[in-house]
Amino acid sequence: MLMLSCEFSTLRVLVADDHELTRLTLQLAFSCQENIQVVGLASNGQEAIEMVKRHHPDVIVLDLQMPVMDGWSASSHIKAISPQTQILAYSSVEDMSFVQTQAMPNFDDVCKKDVSTTELIALVKQLGKRSKDASVVG
């Protein structure tokens, strides 16, 4: 099967979550979408930072609570090395107002883990568009 894709239009996504089932489920959901490529799966913040250096994702779906290095710590490192990368705080924390207060400015958006798959994909695509627009301007 011949598959053609315009590299500019392909959205590069990195998923960082300490739960394997979550990582694999998100990989499957994103991979089924046209023009989305999952470039890496990280199980903690430190792995996410290393993958950002190697794969240069447009968007990172970043769990906040992970072992080794949490999403809050990882986000500041990621923005330092790749400021145009859009970071989505992806959390099961019940009090999202707390997350939003703590998360900004390193996160570009915040999303609870109980969001529908359709909404999550739409949000990732929206962030990807911001990333592409920023890289064209920058």
N, C-alpha and C. Protein backbone atom coordinates (compact mmCIF):
# COMPACT_ATOMS: atom_id res chain seq x y z
N MET A 1 0.85 -1.17 0.00
CA MET A 1 0.00 0.00 0.00
C MET A 1 0.90 1.23 0.00
N LEU A 2 0.61 2.15 -0.90
CA LEU A 2 1.36 3.39 -0.99
C LEU A 2 0.64 4.46 -0.18
N MET A 3 1.36 5.06 0.75
CA MET A 3 0.75 6.12 1.57
C MET A 3 1.54 7.40 1.35
N LEU A 4 0.86 8.41 0.89
CA LEU A 4 1.48 9.70 0.68
C LEU A 4 1.00 10.67 1.74
N SER A 5 1.89 11.47 2.25
CA SER A 5 1.47 12.50 3.20
C SER A 5 2.39 13.69 3.06
N CYS A 6 1.83 14.84 3.20
CA CYS A 6 2.61 16.07 3.18
C CYS A 6 3.18 16.25 4.59
N GLU A 7 4.48 16.27 4.72
CA GLU A 7 5.10 16.34 6.04
C GLU A 7 4.65 17.57 6.82
N PHE A 8 4.46 18.70 6.11
CA PHE A 8 4.05 19.92 6.79
C PHE A 8 2.69 19.77 7.46
N SER A 9 1.78 19.02 6.83
CA SER A 9 0.42 18.92 7.37
C SER A 9 0.27 17.82 8.42
N THR A 10 1.27 16.96 8.55
CA THR A 10 1.19 15.90 9.54
C THR A 10 1.51 16.44 10.93
N LEU A 11 0.57 16.25 11.83
CA LEU A 11 0.71 16.71 13.21
C LEU A 11 1.46 15.66 14.01
N ARG A 12 2.56 16.08 14.62
CA ARG A 12 3.41 15.17 15.38
C ARG A 12 3.04 15.26 16.87
N VAL A 13 2.60 14.14 17.44
CA VAL A 13 2.09 14.12 18.82
C VAL A 13 2.94 13.17 19.68
N LEU A 14 3.22 13.64 20.89
CA LEU A 14 3.90 12.82 21.90
C LEU A 14 2.93 12.63 23.06
N VAL A 15 2.80 11.39 23.53
CA VAL A 15 1.93 11.09 24.67
C VAL A 15 2.81 10.71 25.85
N ALA A 16 2.60 11.38 26.99
CA ALA A 16 3.36 11.07 28.21
C ALA A 16 2.38 10.80 29.34
N ASP A 17 2.34 9.56 29.77
CA ASP A 17 1.44 9.13 30.85
C ASP A 17 2.06 7.90 31.49
N ASP A 18 1.96 7.78 32.81
CA ASP A 18 2.58 6.64 33.48
C ASP A 18 1.75 5.37 33.38
N HIS A 19 0.52 5.44 32.89
CA HIS A 19 -0.30 4.24 32.72
C HIS A 19 -0.20 3.73 31.29
N GLU A 20 0.31 2.52 31.14
CA GLU A 20 0.52 1.94 29.82
C GLU A 20 -0.77 1.89 29.01
N LEU A 21 -1.87 1.51 29.63
CA LEU A 21 -3.13 1.41 28.90
C LEU A 21 -3.56 2.77 28.35
N THR A 22 -3.36 3.82 29.12
CA THR A 22 -3.68 5.17 28.65
C THR A 22 -2.81 5.55 27.46
N ARG A 23 -1.51 5.30 27.57
CA ARG A 23 -0.60 5.61 26.45
C ARG A 23 -1.01 4.88 25.18
N LEU A 24 -1.27 3.60 25.31
CA LEU A 24 -1.60 2.80 24.13
C LEU A 24 -2.97 3.16 23.55
N THR A 25 -3.92 3.46 24.42
CA THR A 25 -5.25 3.86 23.95
C THR A 25 -5.18 5.19 23.20
N LEU A 26 -4.44 6.14 23.76
CA LEU A 26 -4.29 7.43 23.07
C LEU A 26 -3.54 7.26 21.76
N GLN A 27 -2.52 6.42 21.76
CA GLN A 27 -1.78 6.16 20.51
C GLN A 27 -2.74 5.62 19.45
N LEU A 28 -3.57 4.68 19.82
CA LEU A 28 -4.53 4.11 18.88
C LEU A 28 -5.52 5.16 18.39
N ALA A 29 -6.06 5.95 19.31
CA ALA A 29 -7.04 6.98 18.94
C ALA A 29 -6.43 8.00 17.98
N PHE A 30 -5.22 8.46 18.28
CA PHE A 30 -4.59 9.46 17.42
C PHE A 30 -4.15 8.86 16.08
N SER A 31 -3.64 7.64 16.10
CA SER A 31 -3.14 7.01 14.89
C SER A 31 -4.25 6.74 13.87
N CYS A 32 -5.47 6.64 14.35
CA CYS A 32 -6.61 6.41 13.45
C CYS A 32 -7.03 7.69 12.73
N GLN A 33 -6.46 8.81 13.13
CA GLN A 33 -6.81 10.10 12.54
C GLN A 33 -5.91 10.41 11.35
N GLU A 34 -6.51 11.02 10.36
CA GLU A 34 -5.74 11.46 9.21
C GLU A 34 -4.83 12.60 9.65
N ASN A 35 -3.60 12.59 9.21
CA ASN A 35 -2.63 13.67 9.46
C ASN A 35 -2.17 13.80 10.91
N ILE A 36 -2.32 12.74 11.71
CA ILE A 36 -1.72 12.75 13.05
C ILE A 36 -0.77 11.56 13.14
N GLN A 37 0.45 11.85 13.57
CA GLN A 37 1.46 10.81 13.77
C GLN A 37 1.92 10.84 15.21
N VAL A 38 1.81 9.71 15.91
CA VAL A 38 2.32 9.62 17.27
C VAL A 38 3.82 9.33 17.16
N VAL A 39 4.63 10.28 17.61
CA VAL A 39 6.08 10.16 17.45
C VAL A 39 6.76 9.56 18.67
N GLY A 40 6.01 9.42 19.78
CA GLY A 40 6.62 8.84 20.96
C GLY A 40 5.63 8.62 22.08
N LEU A 41 5.96 7.66 22.93
CA LEU A 41 5.18 7.35 24.14
C LEU A 41 6.15 7.37 25.31
N ALA A 42 5.89 8.24 26.27
CA ALA A 42 6.76 8.35 27.44
C ALA A 42 5.98 7.97 28.69
N SER A 43 6.67 7.33 29.64
CA SER A 43 6.01 6.90 30.87
C SER A 43 6.27 7.84 32.04
N ASN A 44 7.10 8.87 31.82
CA ASN A 44 7.36 9.88 32.85
C ASN A 44 7.89 11.15 32.19
N GLY A 45 8.00 12.20 32.99
CA GLY A 45 8.43 13.48 32.46
C GLY A 45 9.83 13.48 31.90
N GLN A 46 10.74 12.75 32.53
CA GLN A 46 12.12 12.70 32.05
C GLN A 46 12.18 12.07 30.65
N GLU A 47 11.44 10.98 30.44
CA GLU A 47 11.37 10.36 29.11
C GLU A 47 10.77 11.33 28.10
N ALA A 48 9.76 12.07 28.52
CA ALA A 48 9.11 13.04 27.61
C ALA A 48 10.12 14.09 27.14
N ILE A 49 10.94 14.60 28.05
CA ILE A 49 11.95 15.60 27.69
C ILE A 49 12.92 15.03 26.66
N GLU A 50 13.40 13.81 26.90
CA GLU A 50 14.33 13.17 25.95
C GLU A 50 13.68 12.97 24.58
N MET A 51 12.40 12.59 24.58
CA MET A 51 11.69 12.38 23.31
C MET A 51 11.44 13.69 22.57
N VAL A 52 11.23 14.77 23.30
CA VAL A 52 11.07 16.08 22.67
C VAL A 52 12.35 16.44 21.91
N LYS A 53 13.49 16.20 22.54
CA LYS A 53 14.78 16.49 21.91
C LYS A 53 14.98 15.68 20.63
N ARG A 54 14.53 14.42 20.64
CA ARG A 54 14.72 13.52 19.50
C ARG A 54 13.67 13.69 18.41
N HIS A 55 12.40 13.88 18.80
CA HIS A 55 11.30 13.79 17.83
C HIS A 55 10.62 15.11 17.49
N HIS A 56 10.89 16.18 18.22
CA HIS A 56 10.34 17.50 17.95
C HIS A 56 8.83 17.49 17.69
N PRO A 57 8.04 17.05 18.67
CA PRO A 57 6.58 17.00 18.47
C PRO A 57 5.97 18.40 18.39
N ASP A 58 4.82 18.47 17.73
CA ASP A 58 4.06 19.72 17.68
C ASP A 58 3.23 19.87 18.95
N VAL A 59 2.70 18.73 19.43
CA VAL A 59 1.81 18.72 20.60
C VAL A 59 2.23 17.59 21.53
N ILE A 60 2.18 17.87 22.84
CA ILE A 60 2.42 16.83 23.85
C ILE A 60 1.19 16.73 24.73
N VAL A 61 0.67 15.52 24.86
CA VAL A 61 -0.38 15.24 25.83
C VAL A 61 0.36 14.75 27.07
N LEU A 62 0.39 15.59 28.11
CA LEU A 62 1.28 15.37 29.25
C LEU A 62 0.49 15.19 30.55
N ASP A 63 0.57 13.98 31.09
CA ASP A 63 -0.05 13.68 32.38
C ASP A 63 0.68 14.51 33.44
N LEU A 64 -0.06 14.99 34.42
CA LEU A 64 0.55 15.82 35.46
C LEU A 64 1.19 14.99 36.57
N GLN A 65 0.59 13.84 36.90
CA GLN A 65 1.08 13.04 38.02
C GLN A 65 1.74 11.77 37.50
N MET A 66 3.08 11.79 37.48
CA MET A 66 3.86 10.65 37.02
C MET A 66 5.06 10.46 37.93
N PRO A 67 5.61 9.24 37.98
CA PRO A 67 6.83 9.00 38.76
C PRO A 67 8.05 9.58 38.04
N VAL A 68 9.17 9.59 38.70
CA VAL A 68 10.47 10.09 38.21
C VAL A 68 10.44 11.61 38.04
N MET A 69 9.57 12.11 37.16
CA MET A 69 9.38 13.55 37.00
C MET A 69 7.94 13.79 36.57
N ASP A 70 7.25 14.66 37.32
CA ASP A 70 5.84 14.92 37.00
C ASP A 70 5.71 15.90 35.82
N GLY A 71 4.47 16.07 35.37
CA GLY A 71 4.20 16.92 34.23
C GLY A 71 4.51 18.38 34.45
N TRP A 72 4.29 18.87 35.68
CA TRP A 72 4.59 20.27 35.98
C TRP A 72 6.08 20.54 35.77
N SER A 73 6.93 19.69 36.34
CA SER A 73 8.38 19.87 36.20
C SER A 73 8.83 19.70 34.76
N ALA A 74 8.31 18.68 34.11
CA ALA A 74 8.70 18.40 32.72
C ALA A 74 8.31 19.55 31.79
N SER A 75 7.16 20.16 32.04
CA SER A 75 6.67 21.20 31.13
C SER A 75 7.63 22.39 31.05
N SER A 76 8.23 22.78 32.17
CA SER A 76 9.15 23.92 32.14
C SER A 76 10.42 23.57 31.35
N HIS A 77 10.90 22.34 31.49
CA HIS A 77 12.07 21.90 30.71
C HIS A 77 11.74 21.85 29.22
N ILE A 78 10.55 21.33 28.90
CA ILE A 78 10.15 21.20 27.50
C ILE A 78 10.02 22.57 26.84
N LYS A 79 9.38 23.52 27.53
CA LYS A 79 9.22 24.86 26.95
C LYS A 79 10.57 25.55 26.78
N ALA A 80 11.53 25.24 27.66
CA ALA A 80 12.87 25.83 27.54
C ALA A 80 13.59 25.33 26.28
N ILE A 81 13.40 24.06 25.94
CA ILE A 81 14.10 23.52 24.76
C ILE A 81 13.28 23.59 23.48
N SER A 82 11.95 23.72 23.61
CA SER A 82 11.09 23.74 22.43
C SER A 82 9.87 24.63 22.69
N PRO A 83 10.07 25.95 22.69
CA PRO A 83 8.98 26.87 23.08
C PRO A 83 7.74 26.81 22.20
N GLN A 84 7.89 26.42 20.94
CA GLN A 84 6.73 26.36 20.05
C GLN A 84 5.88 25.11 20.24
N THR A 85 6.42 24.10 20.93
CA THR A 85 5.66 22.88 21.19
C THR A 85 4.49 23.20 22.11
N GLN A 86 3.30 22.76 21.71
CA GLN A 86 2.10 22.99 22.51
C GLN A 86 1.96 21.85 23.52
N ILE A 87 1.73 22.20 24.78
CA ILE A 87 1.62 21.18 25.83
C ILE A 87 0.22 21.20 26.40
N LEU A 88 -0.42 20.03 26.36
CA LEU A 88 -1.75 19.84 26.92
C LEU A 88 -1.61 19.12 28.25
N ALA A 89 -1.99 19.79 29.34
CA ALA A 89 -2.00 19.15 30.66
C ALA A 89 -3.18 18.19 30.67
N TYR A 90 -2.90 16.91 30.87
CA TYR A 90 -3.92 15.87 30.79
C TYR A 90 -3.98 15.22 32.16
N SER A 91 -5.08 15.46 32.90
CA SER A 91 -5.07 15.08 34.31
C SER A 91 -6.39 14.50 34.79
N SER A 92 -6.28 13.66 35.80
CA SER A 92 -7.47 13.11 36.46
C SER A 92 -7.76 13.87 37.75
N VAL A 93 -7.00 14.93 38.02
CA VAL A 93 -7.21 15.75 39.21
C VAL A 93 -8.63 16.31 39.16
N GLU A 94 -9.36 16.15 40.27
CA GLU A 94 -10.76 16.58 40.31
C GLU A 94 -10.93 18.09 40.25
N ASP A 95 -10.08 18.82 40.96
CA ASP A 95 -10.21 20.27 41.02
C ASP A 95 -9.41 20.91 39.89
N MET A 96 -10.03 21.08 38.73
CA MET A 96 -9.32 21.61 37.57
C MET A 96 -8.94 23.08 37.75
N SER A 97 -9.64 23.82 38.60
CA SER A 97 -9.25 25.21 38.82
C SER A 97 -7.87 25.25 39.48
N PHE A 98 -7.61 24.27 40.37
CA PHE A 98 -6.28 24.15 40.97
C PHE A 98 -5.24 23.85 39.89
N VAL A 99 -5.56 22.93 39.02
CA VAL A 99 -4.63 22.55 37.94
C VAL A 99 -4.35 23.76 37.06
N GLN A 100 -5.40 24.48 36.67
CA GLN A 100 -5.22 25.63 35.79
C GLN A 100 -4.37 26.71 36.46
N THR A 101 -4.56 26.93 37.75
CA THR A 101 -3.77 27.92 38.47
C THR A 101 -2.31 27.49 38.54
N GLN A 102 -2.07 26.22 38.82
CA GLN A 102 -0.71 25.71 38.95
C GLN A 102 -0.02 25.52 37.61
N ALA A 103 -0.78 25.18 36.58
CA ALA A 103 -0.20 24.74 35.32
C ALA A 103 0.34 25.87 34.44
N MET A 104 -0.33 26.98 34.41
CA MET A 104 0.08 28.03 33.50
C MET A 104 1.34 28.69 34.05
N PRO A 105 2.27 29.19 33.27
CA PRO A 105 2.21 29.42 31.84
C PRO A 105 2.83 28.32 30.98
N ASN A 106 3.32 27.24 31.56
CA ASN A 106 4.00 26.22 30.76
C ASN A 106 3.07 25.35 29.94
N PHE A 107 1.80 25.33 30.30
CA PHE A 107 0.83 24.53 29.55
C PHE A 107 0.01 25.44 28.65
N ASP A 108 -0.28 24.95 27.46
CA ASP A 108 -1.06 25.74 26.50
C ASP A 108 -2.56 25.49 26.65
N ASP A 109 -2.91 24.37 27.26
CA ASP A 109 -4.30 24.08 27.57
C ASP A 109 -4.34 22.97 28.62
N VAL A 110 -5.51 22.79 29.22
CA VAL A 110 -5.71 21.80 30.27
C VAL A 110 -6.92 20.96 29.92
N CYS A 111 -6.84 19.66 30.18
CA CYS A 111 -7.93 18.76 29.82
C CYS A 111 -8.04 17.65 30.87
N LYS A 112 -9.27 17.37 31.31
CA LYS A 112 -9.47 16.26 32.23
C LYS A 112 -9.45 14.94 31.47
N LYS A 113 -9.04 13.89 32.13
CA LYS A 113 -8.95 12.59 31.49
C LYS A 113 -10.30 11.98 31.14
N ASP A 114 -11.39 12.52 31.72
CA ASP A 114 -12.70 11.96 31.39
C ASP A 114 -13.34 12.65 30.17
N VAL A 115 -12.58 13.47 29.45
CA VAL A 115 -13.08 14.11 28.24
C VAL A 115 -13.33 13.03 27.17
N SER A 116 -14.25 13.28 26.28
CA SER A 116 -14.52 12.30 25.21
C SER A 116 -13.34 12.27 24.25
N THR A 117 -13.18 11.14 23.59
CA THR A 117 -12.08 10.97 22.63
C THR A 117 -12.19 12.01 21.52
N THR A 118 -13.40 12.26 21.05
CA THR A 118 -13.62 13.24 19.98
C THR A 118 -13.16 14.63 20.41
N GLU A 119 -13.51 15.02 21.64
CA GLU A 119 -13.09 16.33 22.15
C GLU A 119 -11.58 16.41 22.30
N LEU A 120 -10.96 15.34 22.79
CA LEU A 120 -9.51 15.34 22.97
C LEU A 120 -8.80 15.47 21.62
N ILE A 121 -9.25 14.74 20.64
CA ILE A 121 -8.65 14.81 19.30
C ILE A 121 -8.81 16.21 18.72
N ALA A 122 -9.99 16.80 18.88
CA ALA A 122 -10.22 18.16 18.38
C ALA A 122 -9.29 19.16 19.07
N LEU A 123 -9.10 19.00 20.37
CA LEU A 123 -8.23 19.89 21.13
C LEU A 123 -6.78 19.74 20.68
N VAL A 124 -6.34 18.51 20.47
CA VAL A 124 -4.97 18.27 20.01
C VAL A 124 -4.77 18.88 18.62
N LYS A 125 -5.76 18.74 17.75
CA LYS A 125 -5.67 19.34 16.40
C LYS A 125 -5.60 20.86 16.49
N GLN A 126 -6.39 21.44 17.38
CA GLN A 126 -6.39 22.88 17.57
C GLN A 126 -5.02 23.36 18.06
N LEU A 127 -4.45 22.65 19.02
CA LEU A 127 -3.12 22.98 19.53
C LEU A 127 -2.07 22.80 18.43
N GLY A 128 -2.24 21.76 17.62
CA GLY A 128 -1.32 21.52 16.52
C GLY A 128 -1.32 22.66 15.51
N LYS A 129 -2.49 23.20 15.26
CA LYS A 129 -2.60 24.35 14.36
C LYS A 129 -1.85 25.54 14.95
N ARG A 130 -1.99 25.75 16.25
CA ARG A 130 -1.25 26.85 16.92
C ARG A 130 0.26 26.64 16.78
N SER A 131 0.70 25.39 16.96
CA SER A 131 2.12 25.08 16.86
C SER A 131 2.63 25.36 15.47
N LYS A 132 1.89 24.93 14.45
CA LYS A 132 2.29 25.15 13.06
C LYS A 132 2.32 26.64 12.74
N ASP A 133 1.29 27.37 13.22
CA ASP A 133 1.25 28.82 12.99
C ASP A 133 2.43 29.52 13.65
N ALA A 134 2.79 29.08 14.86
CA ALA A 134 3.92 29.68 15.58
C ALA A 134 5.24 29.41 14.87
N SER A 135 5.38 28.21 14.31
CA SER A 135 6.65 27.89 13.64
C SER A 135 6.77 28.62 12.31
N VAL A 136 5.65 28.95 11.66
CA VAL A 136 5.69 29.71 10.41
C VAL A 136 6.07 31.16 10.70
N VAL A 137 5.48 31.72 11.77
CA VAL A 137 5.76 33.10 12.15
C VAL A 137 7.19 33.23 12.69
N GLY A 138 7.58 32.24 13.57
CA GLY A 138 8.90 32.29 14.23
C GLY A 138 9.93 31.95 13.29
